[in-house]
Amino acid sequence: MSCGAARRYLAAALGRCRARGLPLCEPLWEPPPVRVHRALSGGSGAALAVLQRRHLSSRNRLEGKVLETVGVFEAPKQHGKYETGQLFLHSVFGYRGIVLFPWQARLYDRDVASPVAEKSENTAGHGSKEVKGKTHTYYQVLIDARDCPHISQRSQTEAVTFLANHDDSRALYAIPGLDYVSHEDILPYSSTDQVPIQHELFERFLMYDQTKVPPFVARDTLCAWQEKNHPWLELSDVHRETTENIRVTVIPFYMGMREAQNSHVYWWRYCIRLENLDSEVVQLRERHWRIFSLSGTLETVRGRGVVGREPVLSKEQPAFQYSSHVSLQASSGHMWGTFRFERPDGSHFDVRIPPFSLESNKDEKTPPSGLHW
């Protein structure tokens, strides 16, 4: 069983056992077979543990596995937000992380269209279906560096890239292990470890305070960094649509403007998650994008797979996530399109990519040239 499948098995097991009041030990990495163990310690929570690799044998089998306690599982919040410093396990990708701060986004779910089409400033859509946005909570988080090598169903482990602040208008840089996570993707846990997450920014952004719950509080550097980089970090709109049990979620981000050859070039990044809600195995084969610019141009982009990969979505590994970038010579535009998937019998079907707007910030500022404290 793969790492991702083990994590998803665990996430489902956590939910089942929590409902039954059973304590657990949690194997995060590929234990063949996956087992759900009772925790040695008492209490109503679930004890989390990490299965560490000692070495691989010539047959590529794990040997010398050791369970190490990580923390105590907590009941996910059905209402309200998680606070800065909340430790969690990602329910889809299985990594350990910690919440930095929340974002209030507008979710435009085309699977829940308004019964009566009506004009509204909170309406987004392209075509005949009218969609009204609703408020949804996402979180800026740090990913534990120890888990990054095991996240196989993502093309990268960061969802944040910036424009480099120099003459090369196409230069980008990323902050590794900085992610956006939806509220429902969080499986919270607590830990007595004063440094439970390994990330170069953990101790720069957070400090341990045993009098607080959770016991990790924001340093002034985190607050200053958030304020300084707010225009380039802010998550405002999320778009979602399902076709033939394949759900596509798109999150666009404005990155800033650069001057190139006496013209303005506006940059956006977009993060896409593909999720197979069915048990049938499918594989992404092609992408087809339509990109409309306010300048009046309409561009068509076709190609094999995405970011050099043709991911397989199965019951064991139902999700894949990646990020990419687009630039326009106008301050706004739209993108929409389709992904072509292949079934095991060789037949194909197209999955709609929900249309989304590319909007620039009105209060244009210079994008950051690095981490500002």
Protein backbone atom coordinates (compact mmCIF):
# COMPACT_ATOMS: atom_id res chain seq x y z
CA MET A 1 0.00 0.00 0.00
CA SER A 2 1.34 3.45 -0.91
CA CYS A 3 2.03 6.30 1.54
CA GLY A 4 -0.99 8.25 0.35
CA ALA A 5 -3.29 5.25 0.59
CA ALA A 6 -2.06 4.53 4.12
CA ARG A 7 -2.75 8.10 5.17
CA ARG A 8 -6.26 8.04 3.70
CA TYR A 9 -6.94 4.69 5.35
CA LEU A 10 -5.82 6.24 8.62
CA ALA A 11 -7.98 9.34 8.16
CA ALA A 12 -11.05 7.15 7.59
CA ALA A 13 -10.07 4.92 10.53
CA LEU A 14 -9.69 7.95 12.79
CA GLY A 15 -13.20 9.04 11.95
CA ARG A 16 -14.67 5.58 12.51
CA CYS A 17 -12.86 4.96 15.76
CA ARG A 18 -13.54 8.46 17.07
CA ALA A 19 -17.24 7.80 16.48
CA ARG A 20 -16.91 4.55 18.45
CA GLY A 21 -14.84 6.14 21.21
CA LEU A 22 -11.75 4.03 20.47
CA PRO A 23 -8.21 5.35 21.09
CA LEU A 24 -5.74 4.86 18.25
CA CYS A 25 -2.11 4.78 17.33
CA GLU A 26 -1.59 6.40 13.94
CA PRO A 27 0.86 4.99 11.35
CA LEU A 28 1.48 7.91 9.00
CA TRP A 29 3.76 6.18 6.52
CA GLU A 30 3.25 3.06 4.49
CA PRO A 31 2.76 0.13 6.90
CA PRO A 32 2.11 -3.06 4.93
CA PRO A 33 -0.58 -3.88 5.93
CA VAL A 34 -2.07 -0.81 7.62
CA ARG A 35 -3.13 -1.59 11.19
CA VAL A 36 -5.17 0.44 13.62
CA HIS A 37 -3.78 -0.11 17.10
CA ARG A 38 -5.18 0.73 20.48
CA ALA A 39 -3.22 3.41 22.29
CA LEU A 40 -1.32 2.38 25.42
CA SER A 41 -2.28 5.59 27.21
CA GLY A 42 -5.77 6.20 28.54
CA GLY A 43 -8.06 9.11 27.79
CA SER A 44 -10.83 9.79 25.35
CA GLY A 45 -8.59 11.09 22.57
CA ALA A 46 -6.70 9.07 19.97
CA ALA A 47 -2.95 8.78 20.40
CA LEU A 48 -1.15 9.55 17.15
CA ALA A 49 2.07 7.83 16.19
CA VAL A 50 4.57 7.96 13.34
CA LEU A 51 5.96 4.88 11.66
CA GLN A 52 9.61 5.64 10.96
CA ARG A 53 11.75 3.83 8.41
CA ARG A 54 14.98 2.27 9.65
CA HIS A 55 16.14 0.82 6.35
CA LEU A 56 14.91 -0.97 3.25
CA SER A 57 15.77 -4.58 2.57
CA SER A 58 16.82 -5.89 -0.85
CA ARG A 59 13.16 -6.78 -1.44
CA ASN A 60 12.14 -3.19 -0.74
CA ARG A 61 10.28 -4.18 2.43
CA LEU A 62 10.29 -1.98 5.49
CA GLU A 63 12.20 -3.41 8.46
CA GLY A 64 12.78 -2.21 12.00
CA LYS A 65 9.62 -0.06 12.08
CA VAL A 66 9.05 1.87 15.29
CA LEU A 67 5.91 3.61 16.47
CA GLU A 68 6.60 6.97 18.09
CA THR A 69 3.90 8.98 19.82
CA VAL A 70 3.14 12.30 18.18
CA GLY A 71 0.11 13.53 20.08
CA VAL A 72 -3.53 13.07 20.97
CA PHE A 73 -6.27 13.23 18.39
CA GLU A 74 -9.01 15.84 18.98
CA ALA A 75 -12.57 16.04 17.68
CA PRO A 76 -12.74 18.12 14.47
CA LYS A 77 -14.62 21.40 14.83
CA GLN A 78 -18.02 21.43 13.21
CA HIS A 79 -18.47 25.12 13.99
CA GLY A 80 -16.02 27.97 14.45
CA LYS A 81 -12.41 28.30 13.33
CA TYR A 82 -9.16 26.69 14.37
CA GLU A 83 -6.74 29.02 16.13
CA THR A 84 -3.15 29.92 15.29
CA GLY A 85 -0.93 27.10 16.53
CA GLN A 86 -3.41 24.25 15.96
CA LEU A 87 -1.63 21.03 15.02
CA PHE A 88 -3.35 18.84 12.45
CA LEU A 89 -3.13 15.89 10.10
CA HIS A 90 -4.27 16.60 6.53
CA SER A 91 -7.23 14.32 5.84
CA VAL A 92 -6.41 13.94 2.13
CA PHE A 93 -2.62 14.17 1.82
CA GLY A 94 -1.75 12.89 5.29
CA TYR A 95 0.99 15.34 6.24
CA ARG A 96 1.41 16.92 9.67
CA GLY A 97 1.02 20.67 9.82
CA ILE A 98 0.27 23.68 11.97
CA VAL A 99 -2.17 26.55 11.41
CA LEU A 100 -0.68 30.03 10.99
CA PHE A 101 -3.86 32.05 10.39
CA PRO A 102 -7.29 31.72 8.71
CA TRP A 103 -8.63 33.20 5.47
CA GLN A 104 -12.31 33.84 4.80
CA ALA A 105 -12.89 32.89 1.16
CA ARG A 106 -15.93 32.97 -1.12
CA LEU A 107 -16.72 29.43 -2.32
CA TYR A 108 -18.51 29.26 -5.68
CA ASP A 109 -19.79 25.69 -5.86
CA ARG A 110 -21.40 25.00 -9.25
CA ASP A 111 -22.78 21.73 -7.86
CA VAL A 112 -25.01 23.85 -5.60
CA ALA A 113 -26.34 26.39 -8.10
CA SER A 114 -29.03 28.87 -7.11
CA PRO A 115 -32.53 27.61 -8.05
CA VAL A 116 -33.36 31.07 -9.39
CA ALA A 117 -30.71 32.92 -11.38
CA GLU A 118 -30.34 36.41 -10.01
CA LYS A 119 -27.83 39.18 -10.38
CA SER A 120 -25.53 39.76 -7.43
CA GLU A 121 -22.11 41.18 -6.81
CA ASN A 122 -21.29 37.88 -5.13
CA THR A 123 -22.10 35.91 -8.25
CA ALA A 124 -19.46 34.26 -10.41
CA GLY A 125 -19.93 32.13 -13.45
CA HIS A 126 -19.41 31.64 -17.16
CA GLY A 127 -22.19 30.31 -19.31
CA SER A 128 -25.76 29.60 -18.29
CA LYS A 129 -25.31 28.47 -14.69
CA GLU A 130 -25.58 31.20 -12.08
CA VAL A 131 -23.57 30.57 -8.92
CA LYS A 132 -23.71 32.49 -5.68
CA GLY A 133 -20.71 32.41 -3.38
CA LYS A 134 -20.80 31.47 0.30
CA THR A 135 -18.21 32.11 2.99
CA HIS A 136 -15.78 29.26 3.61
CA THR A 137 -12.75 29.07 5.92
CA TYR A 138 -9.28 28.16 4.69
CA TYR A 139 -6.00 28.26 6.60
CA GLN A 140 -2.43 29.27 5.89
CA VAL A 141 -0.33 26.42 7.27
CA LEU A 142 3.19 25.07 7.56
CA ILE A 143 3.88 21.48 6.41
CA ASP A 144 6.21 19.28 8.44
CA ALA A 145 9.35 18.87 6.31
CA ARG A 146 9.65 15.21 7.35
CA ASP A 147 6.42 14.41 5.52
CA CYS A 148 7.11 16.28 2.27
CA PRO A 149 8.96 13.37 0.56
CA HIS A 150 5.93 11.13 1.15
CA ILE A 151 3.24 13.33 -0.41
CA SER A 152 3.04 11.57 -3.77
CA GLN A 153 -0.28 12.99 -4.98
CA ARG A 154 0.89 16.57 -5.30
CA SER A 155 3.22 18.07 -7.87
CA GLN A 156 4.77 20.25 -5.17
CA THR A 157 4.36 20.74 -1.42
CA GLU A 158 3.94 24.50 -1.55
CA ALA A 159 0.98 26.48 -2.80
CA VAL A 160 2.64 29.89 -2.54
CA THR A 161 4.90 31.46 -5.15
CA PHE A 162 5.96 35.08 -5.56
CA LEU A 163 7.27 37.24 -8.36
CA ALA A 164 10.96 37.89 -7.95
CA ASN A 165 11.62 41.60 -7.49
CA HIS A 166 14.11 42.24 -10.27
CA ASP A 167 14.31 42.81 -14.01
CA ASP A 168 13.42 39.26 -15.04
CA SER A 169 9.63 39.58 -15.29
CA ARG A 170 9.15 35.79 -15.47
CA ALA A 171 11.24 34.89 -12.42
CA LEU A 172 9.32 33.25 -9.57
CA TYR A 173 10.29 31.98 -6.17
CA ALA A 174 8.47 29.72 -3.73
CA ILE A 175 8.30 29.24 0.01
CA PRO A 176 8.59 25.46 0.54
CA GLY A 177 6.07 23.86 2.85
CA LEU A 178 3.62 26.78 2.95
CA ASP A 179 0.12 25.61 2.07
CA TYR A 180 -3.60 26.48 2.07
CA VAL A 181 -5.95 24.00 3.74
CA SER A 182 -9.75 23.90 3.79
CA HIS A 183 -11.48 23.64 7.18
CA GLU A 184 -12.84 20.17 6.45
CA ASP A 185 -9.37 18.85 5.53
CA ILE A 186 -8.09 19.35 9.08
CA LEU A 187 -7.87 16.47 11.57
CA PRO A 188 -6.72 18.28 14.74
CA TYR A 189 -4.43 16.87 17.40
CA SER A 190 -2.46 18.13 20.38
CA SER A 191 1.13 17.47 21.44
CA THR A 192 3.36 18.08 24.44
CA ASP A 193 6.38 18.51 22.15
CA GLN A 194 7.55 22.13 22.21
CA VAL A 195 8.72 21.86 18.57
CA PRO A 196 6.28 19.36 17.02
CA ILE A 197 6.70 20.54 13.41
CA GLN A 198 9.97 20.60 11.52
CA HIS A 199 9.99 23.67 9.28
CA GLU A 200 12.55 26.45 8.97
CA LEU A 201 9.87 29.06 9.74
CA PHE A 202 8.29 27.29 12.73
CA GLU A 203 10.34 28.90 15.51
CA ARG A 204 10.51 32.18 13.62
CA PHE A 205 6.73 32.42 13.42
CA LEU A 206 5.58 30.61 16.57
CA MET A 207 6.60 30.16 20.19
CA TYR A 208 5.57 27.71 22.89
CA ASP A 209 3.33 28.96 25.70
CA GLN A 210 2.02 26.20 27.95
CA THR A 211 -0.65 28.52 29.38
CA LYS A 212 -2.40 28.79 26.00
CA VAL A 213 -4.66 26.39 24.10
CA PRO A 214 -3.28 25.50 21.64
CA PRO A 215 0.13 26.12 23.28
CA PHE A 216 1.75 27.69 20.17
CA VAL A 217 1.22 31.42 19.76
CA ALA A 218 2.16 33.84 17.01
CA ARG A 219 5.35 35.85 17.30
CA ASP A 220 5.44 39.46 16.19
CA THR A 221 7.36 38.30 13.12
CA LEU A 222 4.36 36.24 11.92
CA CYS A 223 1.97 39.17 12.36
CA ALA A 224 4.37 41.54 10.55
CA TRP A 225 4.95 39.04 7.74
CA GLN A 226 1.22 38.48 7.26
CA GLU A 227 0.54 42.22 7.13
CA LYS A 228 3.46 42.93 4.78
CA ASN A 229 2.59 40.16 2.31
CA HIS A 230 -1.20 40.19 2.67
CA PRO A 231 -1.94 41.16 -0.99
CA TRP A 232 0.07 38.19 -2.32
CA LEU A 233 -1.06 35.63 0.27
CA GLU A 234 -4.78 36.39 0.49
CA LEU A 235 -7.13 33.65 -0.60
CA SER A 236 -10.39 35.25 -1.70
CA ASP A 237 -12.25 33.02 -4.20
CA VAL A 238 -12.60 29.24 -4.51
CA HIS A 239 -14.38 27.59 -7.47
CA ARG A 240 -15.69 24.01 -7.53
CA GLU A 241 -17.52 21.79 -10.02
CA THR A 242 -18.13 18.03 -10.38
CA THR A 243 -18.47 16.12 -13.65
CA GLU A 244 -19.05 12.33 -13.68
CA ASN A 245 -17.83 12.02 -10.08
CA ILE A 246 -14.61 13.97 -10.70
CA ARG A 247 -14.56 17.14 -8.62
CA VAL A 248 -12.33 20.02 -9.70
CA THR A 249 -11.48 22.79 -7.23
CA VAL A 250 -9.65 25.92 -8.40
CA ILE A 251 -8.13 28.67 -6.24
CA PRO A 252 -6.66 31.67 -8.12
CA PHE A 253 -4.20 34.17 -6.60
CA TYR A 254 -3.07 37.50 -7.95
CA MET A 255 0.74 37.78 -7.89
CA GLY A 256 1.39 41.32 -9.14
CA MET A 257 2.37 43.30 -12.22
CA ARG A 258 5.65 43.68 -14.06
CA GLU A 259 6.70 46.00 -16.85
CA ALA A 260 8.09 44.23 -19.91
CA GLN A 261 8.91 45.76 -23.30
CA ASN A 262 6.96 48.96 -22.58
CA SER A 263 3.83 47.05 -21.52
CA HIS A 264 2.33 45.81 -18.26
CA VAL A 265 2.24 42.06 -17.62
CA TYR A 266 -0.09 40.82 -14.85
CA TRP A 267 0.60 37.48 -13.17
CA TRP A 268 -1.64 34.98 -11.37
CA ARG A 269 -1.07 31.56 -9.91
CA TYR A 270 -3.84 28.99 -9.61
CA CYS A 271 -4.02 25.86 -7.48
CA ILE A 272 -6.11 22.93 -8.74
CA ARG A 273 -7.24 19.83 -6.89
CA LEU A 274 -8.74 16.85 -8.74
CA GLU A 275 -10.77 14.38 -6.66
CA ASN A 276 -12.29 11.08 -7.72
CA LEU A 277 -15.54 10.63 -5.77
CA ASP A 278 -16.17 7.19 -7.29
CA SER A 279 -14.44 3.82 -6.90
CA GLU A 280 -13.59 3.46 -10.62
CA VAL A 281 -9.94 4.11 -11.50
CA VAL A 282 -9.43 6.95 -13.99
CA GLN A 283 -6.35 8.65 -15.42
CA LEU A 284 -5.94 12.26 -16.50
CA ARG A 285 -4.72 12.38 -20.12
CA GLU A 286 -5.21 15.88 -21.51
CA ARG A 287 -5.96 19.46 -20.54
CA HIS A 288 -7.80 22.07 -22.61
CA TRP A 289 -7.77 25.68 -21.42
CA ARG A 290 -9.50 28.81 -22.72
CA ILE A 291 -7.96 32.04 -21.45
CA PHE A 292 -9.77 35.32 -22.08
CA SER A 293 -8.07 38.67 -21.48
CA LEU A 294 -9.77 42.02 -20.95
CA SER A 295 -7.62 43.26 -23.82
CA GLY A 296 -9.89 41.20 -26.09
CA THR A 297 -7.69 38.17 -26.77
CA LEU A 298 -8.85 34.57 -26.40
CA GLU A 299 -6.12 31.94 -26.11
CA THR A 300 -6.53 28.17 -26.38
CA VAL A 301 -4.06 25.85 -24.66
CA ARG A 302 -4.03 22.07 -25.17
CA GLY A 303 -1.56 19.54 -23.86
CA ARG A 304 -0.87 16.14 -22.34
CA GLY A 305 -1.55 15.82 -18.62
CA VAL A 306 -0.70 18.59 -16.18
CA VAL A 307 2.74 19.80 -14.99
CA GLY A 308 4.37 16.89 -16.81
CA ARG A 309 2.25 14.22 -15.12
CA GLU A 310 -0.79 12.11 -15.99
CA PRO A 311 -2.05 11.23 -12.51
CA VAL A 312 -4.15 8.16 -11.77
CA LEU A 313 -7.09 8.73 -9.42
CA SER A 314 -8.18 5.57 -7.60
CA LYS A 315 -10.01 4.57 -4.44
CA GLU A 316 -6.65 4.35 -2.67
CA GLN A 317 -5.32 7.64 -4.06
CA PRO A 318 -8.40 9.66 -5.05
CA ALA A 319 -6.87 13.15 -5.20
CA PHE A 320 -4.15 15.05 -7.03
CA GLN A 321 -3.17 18.68 -6.55
CA TYR A 322 -0.91 21.02 -8.50
CA SER A 323 -0.22 24.72 -9.07
CA SER A 324 0.55 26.66 -12.23
CA HIS A 325 0.78 30.26 -13.45
CA VAL A 326 -0.70 32.49 -16.12
CA SER A 327 0.09 36.01 -17.31
CA LEU A 328 -2.02 38.55 -19.23
CA GLN A 329 -1.30 41.91 -20.77
CA ALA A 330 -4.47 43.20 -19.10
CA SER A 331 -5.51 43.73 -15.49
CA SER A 332 -8.22 41.06 -15.58
CA GLY A 333 -9.56 38.08 -17.49
CA HIS A 334 -11.21 34.65 -17.21
CA MET A 335 -10.11 31.02 -17.49
CA TRP A 336 -12.15 27.86 -18.04
CA GLY A 337 -11.76 24.54 -19.80
CA THR A 338 -11.82 20.75 -19.48
CA PHE A 339 -9.68 17.82 -18.38
CA ARG A 340 -9.92 14.63 -20.42
CA PHE A 341 -9.86 11.40 -18.40
CA GLU A 342 -9.48 7.79 -19.50
CA ARG A 343 -11.32 4.81 -17.99
CA PRO A 344 -9.82 1.30 -17.65
CA ASP A 345 -11.73 0.17 -20.77
CA GLY A 346 -10.03 2.87 -22.86
CA SER A 347 -13.05 5.18 -23.15
CA HIS A 348 -12.67 8.89 -22.46
CA PHE A 349 -14.78 11.61 -20.87
CA ASP A 350 -14.33 15.35 -20.31
CA VAL A 351 -14.48 17.00 -16.91
CA ARG A 352 -15.34 20.67 -16.70
CA ILE A 353 -12.95 23.12 -15.06
CA PRO A 354 -15.11 25.70 -13.28
CA PRO A 355 -14.68 29.16 -14.83
CA PHE A 356 -12.85 31.63 -12.63
CA SER A 357 -11.92 35.29 -12.79
CA LEU A 358 -8.41 36.68 -12.90
CA GLU A 359 -8.60 39.99 -11.04
CA SER A 360 -5.75 42.33 -10.09
CA ASN A 361 -5.55 44.26 -6.85
CA LYS A 362 -6.79 47.82 -7.12
CA ASP A 363 -4.24 49.07 -4.62
CA GLU A 364 -1.25 47.87 -6.61
CA LYS A 365 1.92 47.47 -4.58
CA THR A 366 5.34 46.08 -5.33
CA PRO A 367 5.40 42.29 -4.86
CA PRO A 368 7.77 41.08 -2.14
CA SER A 369 11.39 40.31 -2.97
CA GLY A 370 11.79 37.85 -0.11
CA LEU A 371 10.57 37.05 3.37
CA HIS A 372 9.90 40.29 5.27
CA TRP A 373 10.00 40.31 9.04
